[in-house]
Amino acid sequence: MRVNVRLFARLRDIVGAAEIARELPAGATVGSLWLALAAEFPEMAAYARAVSSAVNAEYARMDAPLRDGDEVAFLPPVSGGSGVREVQEVQKVQKVPETRSTPLEPFGTR
């Protein structure tokens, strides 16, 4: 099966690309994909305990099964200094809810 992999922040820097495609055997999981990438790009292994993953824009555990055509995203922990473009990309993967269309009332006005 073929999956598309999206990488953010330092992971993108390590791999040298924001998106890559990989062929995986049937029965592959998010975790087996991560291990394959960490074997190919050893610097990624340092993020194994802290990385978040998503499959088709929904957070996923490492034991989540993968199917042909899935989009898998790996998101390392991000601290301050992220650029606007990167934050927007992470929000797309995380499906961050839209902001309120009406402002909140100040406390004690009712």
PDB file of N, CA and C in Angstrom:
ATOM      1  N   MET A   1       0.850  -1.175   0.000  1.00  0.00           N
ATOM      2  CA  MET A   1       0.000   0.000   0.000  1.00  0.00           C
ATOM      3  C   MET A   1       0.892   1.234   0.000  1.00  0.00           C
ATOM      4  N   ARG A   2       0.350   2.312  -0.482  1.00  0.00           N
ATOM      5  CA  ARG A   2       1.094   3.573  -0.543  1.00  0.00           C
ATOM      6  C   ARG A   2       0.403   4.594   0.359  1.00  0.00           C
ATOM      7  N   VAL A   3       1.198   5.279   1.200  1.00  0.00           N
ATOM      8  CA  VAL A   3       0.671   6.331   2.061  1.00  0.00           C
ATOM      9  C   VAL A   3       1.478   7.602   1.833  1.00  0.00           C
ATOM     10  N   ASN A   4       0.830   8.711   2.075  1.00  0.00           N
ATOM     11  CA  ASN A   4       1.502  10.007   2.015  1.00  0.00           C
ATOM     12  C   ASN A   4       1.803  10.438   3.438  1.00  0.00           C
ATOM     13  N   VAL A   5       3.000  10.952   3.641  1.00  0.00           N
ATOM     14  CA  VAL A   5       3.453  11.339   4.972  1.00  0.00           C
ATOM     15  C   VAL A   5       3.722  12.835   4.979  1.00  0.00           C
ATOM     16  N   ARG A   6       3.128  13.524   5.945  1.00  0.00           N
ATOM     17  CA  ARG A   6       3.378  14.961   6.134  1.00  0.00           C
ATOM     18  C   ARG A   6       4.212  15.126   7.391  1.00  0.00           C
ATOM     19  N   LEU A   7       5.235  15.949   7.293  1.00  0.00           N
ATOM     20  CA  LEU A   7       6.165  16.169   8.396  1.00  0.00           C
ATOM     21  C   LEU A   7       6.221  17.645   8.729  1.00  0.00           C
ATOM     22  N   PHE A   8       6.311  17.942  10.014  1.00  0.00           N
ATOM     23  CA  PHE A   8       6.290  19.324  10.466  1.00  0.00           C
ATOM     24  C   PHE A   8       7.525  19.639  11.294  1.00  0.00           C
ATOM     25  N   ALA A   9       7.845  20.938  11.346  1.00  0.00           N
ATOM     26  CA  ALA A   9       8.893  21.489  12.205  1.00  0.00           C
ATOM     27  C   ALA A   9      10.215  20.747  12.003  1.00  0.00           C
ATOM     28  N   ARG A  10      10.814  20.307  13.086  1.00  0.00           N
ATOM     29  CA  ARG A  10      12.140  19.677  13.012  1.00  0.00           C
ATOM     30  C   ARG A  10      12.124  18.394  12.185  1.00  0.00           C
ATOM     31  N   LEU A  11      11.040  17.646  12.198  1.00  0.00           N
ATOM     32  CA  LEU A  11      10.967  16.421  11.392  1.00  0.00           C
ATOM     33  C   LEU A  11      11.095  16.747   9.909  1.00  0.00           C
ATOM     34  N   ARG A  12      10.455  17.814   9.493  1.00  0.00           N
ATOM     35  CA  ARG A  12      10.558  18.267   8.104  1.00  0.00           C
ATOM     36  C   ARG A  12      12.012  18.597   7.773  1.00  0.00           C
ATOM     37  N   ASP A  13      12.698  19.262   8.707  1.00  0.00           N
ATOM     38  CA  ASP A  13      14.102  19.614   8.494  1.00  0.00           C
ATOM     39  C   ASP A  13      14.971  18.364   8.376  1.00  0.00           C
ATOM     40  N   ILE A  14      14.744  17.390   9.221  1.00  0.00           N
ATOM     41  CA  ILE A  14      15.533  16.150   9.203  1.00  0.00           C
ATOM     42  C   ILE A  14      15.375  15.421   7.876  1.00  0.00           C
ATOM     43  N   VAL A  15      14.139  15.299   7.417  1.00  0.00           N
ATOM     44  CA  VAL A  15      13.855  14.557   6.179  1.00  0.00           C
ATOM     45  C   VAL A  15      14.199  15.383   4.942  1.00  0.00           C
ATOM     46  N   GLY A  16      14.093  16.701   5.069  1.00  0.00           N
ATOM     47  CA  GLY A  16      14.386  17.563   3.933  1.00  0.00           C
ATOM     48  C   GLY A  16      13.194  17.790   3.025  1.00  0.00           C
ATOM     49  N   ALA A  17      12.007  17.442   3.514  1.00  0.00           N
ATOM     50  CA  ALA A  17      10.782  17.637   2.732  1.00  0.00           C
ATOM     51  C   ALA A  17       9.600  17.682   3.679  1.00  0.00           C
ATOM     52  N   ALA A  18       8.572  18.419   3.286  1.00  0.00           N
ATOM     53  CA  ALA A  18       7.355  18.500   4.094  1.00  0.00           C
ATOM     54  C   ALA A  18       6.435  17.312   3.833  1.00  0.00           C
ATOM     55  N   GLU A  19       6.551  16.718   2.657  1.00  0.00           N
ATOM     56  CA  GLU A  19       5.705  15.578   2.298  1.00  0.00           C
ATOM     57  C   GLU A  19       6.532  14.543   1.560  1.00  0.00           C
ATOM     58  N   ILE A  20       6.305  13.283   1.917  1.00  0.00           N
ATOM     59  CA  ILE A  20       6.941  12.176   1.215  1.00  0.00           C
ATOM     60  C   ILE A  20       5.912  11.065   1.076  1.00  0.00           C
ATOM     61  N   ALA A  21       6.145  10.139   0.182  1.00  0.00           N
ATOM     62  CA  ALA A  21       5.274   8.969   0.020  1.00  0.00           C
ATOM     63  C   ALA A  21       6.089   7.725   0.343  1.00  0.00           C
ATOM     64  N   ARG A  22       5.426   6.741   0.908  1.00  0.00           N
ATOM     65  CA  ARG A  22       6.092   5.494   1.247  1.00  0.00           C
ATOM     66  C   ARG A  22       5.199   4.310   0.909  1.00  0.00           C
ATOM     67  N   GLU A  23       5.831   3.241   0.461  1.00  0.00           N
ATOM     68  CA  GLU A  23       5.153   1.964   0.231  1.00  0.00           C
ATOM     69  C   GLU A  23       5.289   1.142   1.501  1.00  0.00           C
ATOM     70  N   LEU A  24       4.190   0.577   1.972  1.00  0.00           N
ATOM     71  CA  LEU A  24       4.184  -0.208   3.203  1.00  0.00           C
ATOM     72  C   LEU A  24       3.505  -1.548   2.957  1.00  0.00           C
ATOM     73  N   PRO A  25       3.866  -2.552   3.739  1.00  0.00           N
ATOM     74  CA  PRO A  25       3.189  -3.846   3.598  1.00  0.00           C
ATOM     75  C   PRO A  25       1.782  -3.796   4.196  1.00  0.00           C
ATOM     76  N   ALA A  26       0.943  -4.700   3.775  1.00  0.00           N
ATOM     77  CA  ALA A  26      -0.393  -4.819   4.361  1.00  0.00           C
ATOM     78  C   ALA A  26      -0.245  -5.037   5.861  1.00  0.00           C
ATOM     79  N   GLY A  27      -1.149  -4.455   6.636  1.00  0.00           N
ATOM     80  CA  GLY A  27      -1.106  -4.591   8.088  1.00  0.00           C
ATOM     81  C   GLY A  27      -0.227  -3.561   8.774  1.00  0.00           C
ATOM     82  N   ALA A  28       0.332  -2.638   8.011  1.00  0.00           N
ATOM     83  CA  ALA A  28       1.188  -1.608   8.600  1.00  0.00           C
ATOM     84  C   ALA A  28       0.374  -0.699   9.516  1.00  0.00           C
ATOM     85  N   THR A  29       1.041  -0.163  10.507  1.00  0.00           N
ATOM     86  CA  THR A  29       0.423   0.770  11.454  1.00  0.00           C
ATOM     87  C   THR A  29       1.186   2.093  11.426  1.00  0.00           C
ATOM     88  N   VAL A  30       0.633   3.070  12.109  1.00  0.00           N
ATOM     89  CA  VAL A  30       1.334   4.348  12.241  1.00  0.00           C
ATOM     90  C   VAL A  30       2.704   4.107  12.874  1.00  0.00           C
ATOM     91  N   GLY A  31       2.751   3.255  13.879  1.00  0.00           N
ATOM     92  CA  GLY A  31       4.012   2.953  14.561  1.00  0.00           C
ATOM     93  C   GLY A  31       5.031   2.280  13.665  1.00  0.00           C
ATOM     94  N   SER A  32       4.593   1.341  12.836  1.00  0.00           N
ATOM     95  CA  SER A  32       5.555   0.682  11.939  1.00  0.00           C
ATOM     96  C   SER A  32       6.067   1.657  10.886  1.00  0.00           C
ATOM     97  N   LEU A  33       5.214   2.581  10.452  1.00  0.00           N
ATOM     98  CA  LEU A  33       5.672   3.633   9.542  1.00  0.00           C
ATOM     99  C   LEU A  33       6.703   4.504  10.241  1.00  0.00           C
ATOM    100  N   TRP A  34       6.421   4.914  11.492  1.00  0.00           N
ATOM    101  CA  TRP A  34       7.369   5.732  12.245  1.00  0.00           C
ATOM    102  C   TRP A  34       8.724   5.021  12.363  1.00  0.00           C
ATOM    103  N   LEU A  35       8.705   3.733  12.720  1.00  0.00           N
ATOM    104  CA  LEU A  35       9.953   2.983  12.868  1.00  0.00           C
ATOM    105  C   LEU A  35      10.718   2.905  11.552  1.00  0.00           C
ATOM    106  N   ALA A  36      10.013   2.733  10.447  1.00  0.00           N
ATOM    107  CA  ALA A  36      10.673   2.689   9.137  1.00  0.00           C
ATOM    108  C   ALA A  36      11.325   4.030   8.814  1.00  0.00           C
ATOM    109  N   LEU A  37      10.608   5.118   9.115  1.00  0.00           N
ATOM    110  CA  LEU A  37      11.174   6.447   8.861  1.00  0.00           C
ATOM    111  C   LEU A  37      12.365   6.717   9.775  1.00  0.00           C
ATOM    112  N   ALA A  38      12.279   6.309  11.048  1.00  0.00           N
ATOM    113  CA  ALA A  38      13.381   6.516  11.986  1.00  0.00           C
ATOM    114  C   ALA A  38      14.607   5.700  11.582  1.00  0.00           C
ATOM    115  N   ALA A  39      14.399   4.543  10.966  1.00  0.00           N
ATOM    116  CA  ALA A  39      15.534   3.752  10.469  1.00  0.00           C
ATOM    117  C   ALA A  39      16.185   4.443   9.269  1.00  0.00           C
ATOM    118  N   GLU A  40      15.353   5.056   8.441  1.00  0.00           N
ATOM    119  CA  GLU A  40      15.849   5.761   7.257  1.00  0.00           C
ATOM    120  C   GLU A  40      16.482   7.105   7.625  1.00  0.00           C
ATOM    121  N   PHE A  41      15.917   7.772   8.622  1.00  0.00           N
ATOM    122  CA  PHE A  41      16.392   9.085   9.080  1.00  0.00           C
ATOM    123  C   PHE A  41      16.630   8.997  10.589  1.00  0.00           C
ATOM    124  N   PRO A  42      17.804   8.510  11.013  1.00  0.00           N
ATOM    125  CA  PRO A  42      18.059   8.222  12.430  1.00  0.00           C
ATOM    126  C   PRO A  42      17.825   9.389  13.395  1.00  0.00           C
ATOM    127  N   GLU A  43      17.974  10.620  12.954  1.00  0.00           N
ATOM    128  CA  GLU A  43      17.740  11.759  13.852  1.00  0.00           C
ATOM    129  C   GLU A  43      16.289  11.817  14.332  1.00  0.00           C
ATOM    130  N   MET A  44      15.379  11.215  13.586  1.00  0.00           N
ATOM    131  CA  MET A  44      13.967  11.228  13.988  1.00  0.00           C
ATOM    132  C   MET A  44      13.726  10.435  15.269  1.00  0.00           C
ATOM    133  N   ALA A  45      14.571   9.454  15.541  1.00  0.00           N
ATOM    134  CA  ALA A  45      14.373   8.577  16.698  1.00  0.00           C
ATOM    135  C   ALA A  45      14.306   9.362  18.003  1.00  0.00           C
ATOM    136  N   ALA A  46      14.978  10.495  18.080  1.00  0.00           N
ATOM    137  CA  ALA A  46      14.973  11.304  19.298  1.00  0.00           C
ATOM    138  C   ALA A  46      13.569  11.820  19.650  1.00  0.00           C
ATOM    139  N   TYR A  47      12.666  11.835  18.686  1.00  0.00           N
ATOM    140  CA  TYR A  47      11.316  12.358  18.895  1.00  0.00           C
ATOM    141  C   TYR A  47      10.282  11.260  19.156  1.00  0.00           C
ATOM    142  N   ALA A  48      10.700  10.022  19.225  1.00  0.00           N
ATOM    143  CA  ALA A  48       9.768   8.894  19.322  1.00  0.00           C
ATOM    144  C   ALA A  48       8.803   8.997  20.499  1.00  0.00           C
ATOM    145  N   ARG A  49       9.252   9.482  21.649  1.00  0.00           N
ATOM    146  CA  ARG A  49       8.392   9.534  22.841  1.00  0.00           C
ATOM    147  C   ARG A  49       7.477  10.750  22.858  1.00  0.00           C
ATOM    148  N   ALA A  50       7.750  11.737  22.011  1.00  0.00           N
ATOM    149  CA  ALA A  50       7.004  12.991  22.101  1.00  0.00           C
ATOM    150  C   ALA A  50       6.200  13.337  20.846  1.00  0.00           C
ATOM    151  N   VAL A  51       6.359  12.577  19.796  1.00  0.00           N
ATOM    152  CA  VAL A  51       5.698  12.915  18.543  1.00  0.00           C
ATOM    153  C   VAL A  51       4.199  12.595  18.617  1.00  0.00           C
ATOM    154  N   SER A  52       3.403  13.441  18.001  1.00  0.00           N
ATOM    155  CA  SER A  52       1.970  13.163  17.832  1.00  0.00           C
ATOM    156  C   SER A  52       1.763  12.705  16.398  1.00  0.00           C
ATOM    157  N   SER A  53       0.716  11.942  16.193  1.00  0.00           N
ATOM    158  CA  SER A  53       0.443  11.458  14.835  1.00  0.00           C
ATOM    159  C   SER A  53      -1.027  11.643  14.500  1.00  0.00           C
ATOM    160  N   ALA A  54      -1.284  11.759  13.214  1.00  0.00           N
ATOM    161  CA  ALA A  54      -2.654  11.883  12.725  1.00  0.00           C
ATOM    162  C   ALA A  54      -2.778  11.073  11.442  1.00  0.00           C
ATOM    163  N   VAL A  55      -3.943  10.507  11.250  1.00  0.00           N
ATOM    164  CA  VAL A  55      -4.246   9.799  10.013  1.00  0.00           C
ATOM    165  C   VAL A  55      -5.475  10.457   9.407  1.00  0.00           C
ATOM    166  N   ASN A  56      -5.326  10.929   8.188  1.00  0.00           N
ATOM    167  CA  ASN A  56      -6.415  11.613   7.490  1.00  0.00           C
ATOM    168  C   ASN A  56      -7.018  12.734   8.342  1.00  0.00           C
ATOM    169  N   ALA A  57      -6.128  13.537   8.920  1.00  0.00           N
ATOM    170  CA  ALA A  57      -6.480  14.741   9.679  1.00  0.00           C
ATOM    171  C   ALA A  57      -7.182  14.467  11.006  1.00  0.00           C
ATOM    172  N   GLU A  58      -7.055  13.254  11.534  1.00  0.00           N
ATOM    173  CA  GLU A  58      -7.598  12.920  12.852  1.00  0.00           C
ATOM    174  C   GLU A  58      -6.468  12.340  13.682  1.00  0.00           C
ATOM    175  N   TYR A  59      -6.321  12.834  14.922  1.00  0.00           N
ATOM    176  CA  TYR A  59      -5.284  12.270  15.779  1.00  0.00           C
ATOM    177  C   TYR A  59      -5.403  10.757  15.805  1.00  0.00           C
ATOM    178  N   ALA A  60      -4.234  10.091  15.821  1.00  0.00           N
ATOM    179  CA  ALA A  60      -4.220   8.630  15.800  1.00  0.00           C
ATOM    180  C   ALA A  60      -3.122   8.115  16.714  1.00  0.00           C
ATOM    181  N   ARG A  61      -3.373   6.960  17.309  1.00  0.00           N
ATOM    182  CA  ARG A  61      -2.360   6.304  18.134  1.00  0.00           C
ATOM    183  C   ARG A  61      -1.394   5.559  17.225  1.00  0.00           C
ATOM    184  N   MET A  62      -0.261   5.195  17.789  1.00  0.00           N
ATOM    185  CA  MET A  62       0.759   4.494  17.007  1.00  0.00           C
ATOM    186  C   MET A  62       0.293   3.113  16.547  1.00  0.00           C
ATOM    187  N   ASP A  63      -0.687   2.537  17.226  1.00  0.00           N
ATOM    188  CA  ASP A  63      -1.171   1.215  16.819  1.00  0.00           C
ATOM    189  C   ASP A  63      -2.313   1.288  15.797  1.00  0.00           C
ATOM    190  N   ALA A  64      -2.625   2.495  15.331  1.00  0.00           N
ATOM    191  CA  ALA A  64      -3.708   2.647  14.339  1.00  0.00           C
ATOM    192  C   ALA A  64      -3.296   2.007  13.013  1.00  0.00           C
ATOM    193  N   PRO A  65      -4.180   1.194  12.435  1.00  0.00           N
ATOM    194  CA  PRO A  65      -3.860   0.568  11.151  1.00  0.00           C
ATOM    195  C   PRO A  65      -3.914   1.584  10.007  1.00  0.00           C
ATOM    196  N   LEU A  66      -3.125   1.332   8.993  1.00  0.00           N
ATOM    197  CA  LEU A  66      -3.106   2.205   7.817  1.00  0.00           C
ATOM    198  C   LEU A  66      -3.703   1.483   6.622  1.00  0.00           C
ATOM    199  N   ARG A  67      -4.268   2.289   5.716  1.00  0.00           N
ATOM    200  CA  ARG A  67      -4.842   1.762   4.475  1.00  0.00           C
ATOM    201  C   ARG A  67      -4.225   2.492   3.292  1.00  0.00           C
ATOM    202  N   ASP A  68      -4.317   1.892   2.153  1.00  0.00           N
ATOM    203  CA  ASP A  68      -3.800   2.501   0.934  1.00  0.00           C
ATOM    204  C   ASP A  68      -4.401   3.895   0.740  1.00  0.00           C
ATOM    205  N   GLY A  69      -3.549   4.865   0.469  1.00  0.00           N
ATOM    206  CA  GLY A  69      -4.005   6.224   0.216  1.00  0.00           C
ATOM    207  C   GLY A  69      -4.113   7.108   1.438  1.00  0.00           C
ATOM    208  N   ASP A  70      -3.885   6.557   2.635  1.00  0.00           N
ATOM    209  CA  ASP A  70      -3.975   7.372   3.852  1.00  0.00           C
ATOM    210  C   ASP A  70      -2.934   8.484   3.840  1.00  0.00           C
ATOM    211  N   GLU A  71      -3.278   9.581   4.519  1.00  0.00           N
ATOM    212  CA  GLU A  71      -2.327  10.659   4.770  1.00  0.00           C
ATOM    213  C   GLU A  71      -1.976  10.599   6.251  1.00  0.00           C
ATOM    214  N   VAL A  72      -0.701  10.420   6.521  1.00  0.00           N
ATOM    215  CA  VAL A  72      -0.220  10.319   7.897  1.00  0.00           C
ATOM    216  C   VAL A  72       0.623  11.546   8.190  1.00  0.00           C
ATOM    217  N   ALA A  73       0.352  12.196   9.307  1.00  0.00           N
ATOM    218  CA  ALA A  73       1.134  13.365   9.710  1.00  0.00           C
ATOM    219  C   ALA A  73       1.833  13.061  11.022  1.00  0.00           C
ATOM    220  N   PHE A  74       3.094  13.492  11.109  1.00  0.00           N
ATOM    221  CA  PHE A  74       3.854  13.393  12.346  1.00  0.00           C
ATOM    222  C   PHE A  74       4.183  14.805  12.795  1.00  0.00           C
ATOM    223  N   LEU A  75       3.816  15.109  14.045  1.00  0.00           N
ATOM    224  CA  LEU A  75       3.981  16.455  14.592  1.00  0.00           C
ATOM    225  C   LEU A  75       4.821  16.387  15.864  1.00  0.00           C
ATOM    226  N   PRO A  76       6.031  16.915  15.817  1.00  0.00           N
ATOM    227  CA  PRO A  76       6.838  16.923  17.039  1.00  0.00           C
ATOM    228  C   PRO A  76       6.322  17.999  17.978  1.00  0.00           C
ATOM    229  N   PRO A  77       6.748  17.965  19.239  1.00  0.00           N
ATOM    230  CA  PRO A  77       6.350  19.047  20.129  1.00  0.00           C
ATOM    231  C   PRO A  77       6.884  20.362  19.570  1.00  0.00           C
ATOM    232  N   VAL A  78       6.070  21.397  19.643  1.00  0.00           N
ATOM    233  CA  VAL A  78       6.460  22.694  19.091  1.00  0.00           C
ATOM    234  C   VAL A  78       6.442  23.708  20.215  1.00  0.00           C
ATOM    235  N   SER A  79       7.530  24.446  20.335  1.00  0.00           N
ATOM    236  CA  SER A  79       7.561  25.527  21.315  1.00  0.00           C
ATOM    237  C   SER A  79       7.505  26.842  20.566  1.00  0.00           C
ATOM    238  N   GLY A  80       7.667  27.936  21.266  1.00  0.00           N
ATOM    239  CA  GLY A  80       7.571  29.264  20.660  1.00  0.00           C
ATOM    240  C   GLY A  80       8.442  29.425  19.432  1.00  0.00           C
ATOM    241  N   GLY A  81       8.104  30.414  18.617  1.00  0.00           N
ATOM    242  CA  GLY A  81       8.904  30.730  17.452  1.00  0.00           C
ATOM    243  C   GLY A  81       8.391  30.136  16.163  1.00  0.00           C
ATOM    244  N   SER A  82       7.297  29.383  16.206  1.00  0.00           N
ATOM    245  CA  SER A  82       6.755  28.815  14.984  1.00  0.00           C
ATOM    246  C   SER A  82       6.241  29.915  14.075  1.00  0.00           C
ATOM    247  N   GLY A  83       6.477  29.745  12.803  1.00  0.00           N
ATOM    248  CA  GLY A  83       5.982  30.714  11.842  1.00  0.00           C
ATOM    249  C   GLY A  83       4.490  30.565  11.625  1.00  0.00           C
ATOM    250  N   VAL A  84       3.853  31.596  11.103  1.00  0.00           N
ATOM    251  CA  VAL A  84       2.409  31.586  10.878  1.00  0.00           C
ATOM    252  C   VAL A  84       2.027  30.464   9.926  1.00  0.00           C
ATOM    253  N   ARG A  85       2.787  30.277   8.858  1.00  0.00           N
ATOM    254  CA  ARG A  85       2.459  29.240   7.877  1.00  0.00           C
ATOM    255  C   ARG A  85       2.436  27.868   8.539  1.00  0.00           C
ATOM    256  N   GLU A  86       3.424  27.577   9.366  1.00  0.00           N
ATOM    257  CA  GLU A  86       3.478  26.280  10.018  1.00  0.00           C
ATOM    258  C   GLU A  86       2.318  26.095  10.986  1.00  0.00           C
ATOM    259  N   VAL A  87       1.979  27.102  11.744  1.00  0.00           N
ATOM    260  CA  VAL A  87       0.840  27.012  12.666  1.00  0.00           C
ATOM    261  C   VAL A  87      -0.427  26.729  11.877  1.00  0.00           C
ATOM    262  N   GLN A  88      -0.619  27.382  10.744  1.00  0.00           N
ATOM    263  CA  GLN A  88      -1.801  27.144   9.921  1.00  0.00           C
ATOM    264  C   GLN A  88      -1.826  25.711   9.417  1.00  0.00           C
ATOM    265  N   GLU A  89      -0.671  25.171   9.018  1.00  0.00           N
ATOM    266  CA  GLU A  89      -0.617  23.791   8.543  1.00  0.00           C
ATOM    267  C   GLU A  89      -0.955  22.815   9.665  1.00  0.00           C
ATOM    268  N   VAL A  90      -0.422  23.036  10.854  1.00  0.00           N
ATOM    269  CA  VAL A  90      -0.720  22.168  11.988  1.00  0.00           C
ATOM    270  C   VAL A  90      -2.198  22.253  12.329  1.00  0.00           C
ATOM    271  N   GLN A  91      -2.784  23.441  12.275  1.00  0.00           N
ATOM    272  CA  GLN A  91      -4.207  23.589  12.566  1.00  0.00           C
ATOM    273  C   GLN A  91      -5.044  22.804  11.574  1.00  0.00           C
ATOM    274  N   LYS A  92      -4.641  22.754  10.312  1.00  0.00           N
ATOM    275  CA  LYS A  92      -5.382  21.968   9.316  1.00  0.00           C
ATOM    276  C   LYS A  92      -5.373  20.503   9.706  1.00  0.00           C
ATOM    277  N   VAL A  93      -4.228  20.001  10.132  1.00  0.00           N
ATOM    278  CA  VAL A  93      -4.116  18.593  10.514  1.00  0.00           C
ATOM    279  C   VAL A  93      -4.912  18.331  11.778  1.00  0.00           C
ATOM    280  N   GLN A  94      -4.882  19.272  12.717  1.00  0.00           N
ATOM    281  CA  GLN A  94      -5.563  19.078  13.986  1.00  0.00           C
ATOM    282  C   GLN A  94      -7.045  19.412  13.931  1.00  0.00           C
ATOM    283  N   LYS A  95      -7.520  19.934  12.819  1.00  0.00           N
ATOM    284  CA  LYS A  95      -8.918  20.342  12.679  1.00  0.00           C
ATOM    285  C   LYS A  95      -9.338  21.250  13.837  1.00  0.00           C
ATOM    286  N   VAL A  96      -8.597  22.316  14.032  1.00  0.00           N
ATOM    287  CA  VAL A  96      -8.905  23.271  15.093  1.00  0.00           C
ATOM    288  C   VAL A  96     -10.231  23.944  14.770  1.00  0.00           C
ATOM    289  N   PRO A  97     -11.139  24.006  15.735  1.00  0.00           N
ATOM    290  CA  PRO A  97     -12.438  24.618  15.449  1.00  0.00           C
ATOM    291  C   PRO A  97     -12.286  26.102  15.102  1.00  0.00           C
ATOM    292  N   GLU A  98     -13.208  26.568  14.307  1.00  0.00           N
ATOM    293  CA  GLU A  98     -13.222  27.984  13.929  1.00  0.00           C
ATOM    294  C   GLU A  98     -13.451  28.835  15.170  1.00  0.00           C
ATOM    295  N   THR A  99     -13.013  30.079  15.125  1.00  0.00           N
ATOM    296  CA  THR A  99     -13.239  30.982  16.249  1.00  0.00           C
ATOM    297  C   THR A  99     -14.705  31.405  16.271  1.00  0.00           C
ATOM    298  N   ARG A 100     -15.143  31.894  17.416  1.00  0.00           N
ATOM    299  CA  ARG A 100     -16.535  32.335  17.553  1.00  0.00           C
ATOM    300  C   ARG A 100     -16.831  33.461  16.593  1.00  0.00           C
ATOM    301  N   SER A 101     -18.019  33.461  16.028  1.00  0.00           N
ATOM    302  CA  SER A 101     -18.403  34.542  15.121  1.00  0.00           C
ATOM    303  C   SER A 101     -18.950  35.744  15.882  1.00  0.00           C
ATOM    304  N   THR A 102     -19.373  35.517  17.130  1.00  0.00           N
ATOM    305  CA  THR A 102     -19.847  36.634  17.953  1.00  0.00           C
ATOM    306  C   THR A 102     -18.964  36.716  19.185  1.00  0.00           C
ATOM    307  N   PRO A 103     -18.641  37.923  19.629  1.00  0.00           N
ATOM    308  CA  PRO A 103     -17.765  38.039  20.797  1.00  0.00           C
ATOM    309  C   PRO A 103     -18.468  37.586  22.066  1.00  0.00           C
ATOM    310  N   LEU A 104     -17.666  37.165  23.034  1.00  0.00           N
ATOM    311  CA  LEU A 104     -18.209  36.795  24.341  1.00  0.00           C
ATOM    312  C   LEU A 104     -18.625  38.053  25.081  1.00  0.00           C
ATOM    313  N   GLU A 105     -19.658  37.935  25.905  1.00  0.00           N
ATOM    314  CA  GLU A 105     -20.076  39.073  26.721  1.00  0.00           C
ATOM    315  C   GLU A 105     -19.120  39.222  27.889  1.00  0.00           C
ATOM    316  N   PRO A 106     -18.790  40.441  28.272  1.00  0.00           N
ATOM    317  CA  PRO A 106     -17.919  40.627  29.437  1.00  0.00           C
ATOM    318  C   PRO A 106     -18.556  40.021  30.686  1.00  0.00           C
ATOM    319  N   PHE A 107     -17.743  39.528  31.579  1.00  0.00           N
ATOM    320  CA  PHE A 107     -18.214  38.908  32.810  1.00  0.00           C
ATOM    321  C   PHE A 107     -19.029  39.915  33.632  1.00  0.00           C
ATOM    322  N   GLY A 108     -20.156  39.491  34.150  1.00  0.00           N
ATOM    323  CA  GLY A 108     -20.978  40.330  35.031  1.00  0.00           C
ATOM    324  C   GLY A 108     -21.907  41.277  34.301  1.00  0.00           C
ATOM    325  N   THR A 109     -22.109  41.111  32.995  1.00  0.00           N
ATOM    326  CA  THR A 109     -22.998  42.037  32.277  1.00  0.00           C
ATOM    327  C   THR A 109     -24.432  41.542  32.231  1.00  0.00           C
ATOM    328  N   ARG A 110     -24.695  40.364  32.732  1.00  0.00           N
ATOM    329  CA  ARG A 110     -26.062  39.836  32.713  1.00  0.00           C
ATOM    330  C   ARG A 110     -26.772  40.120  33.980  1.00  0.00           C
TER     331      ARG A 110
END
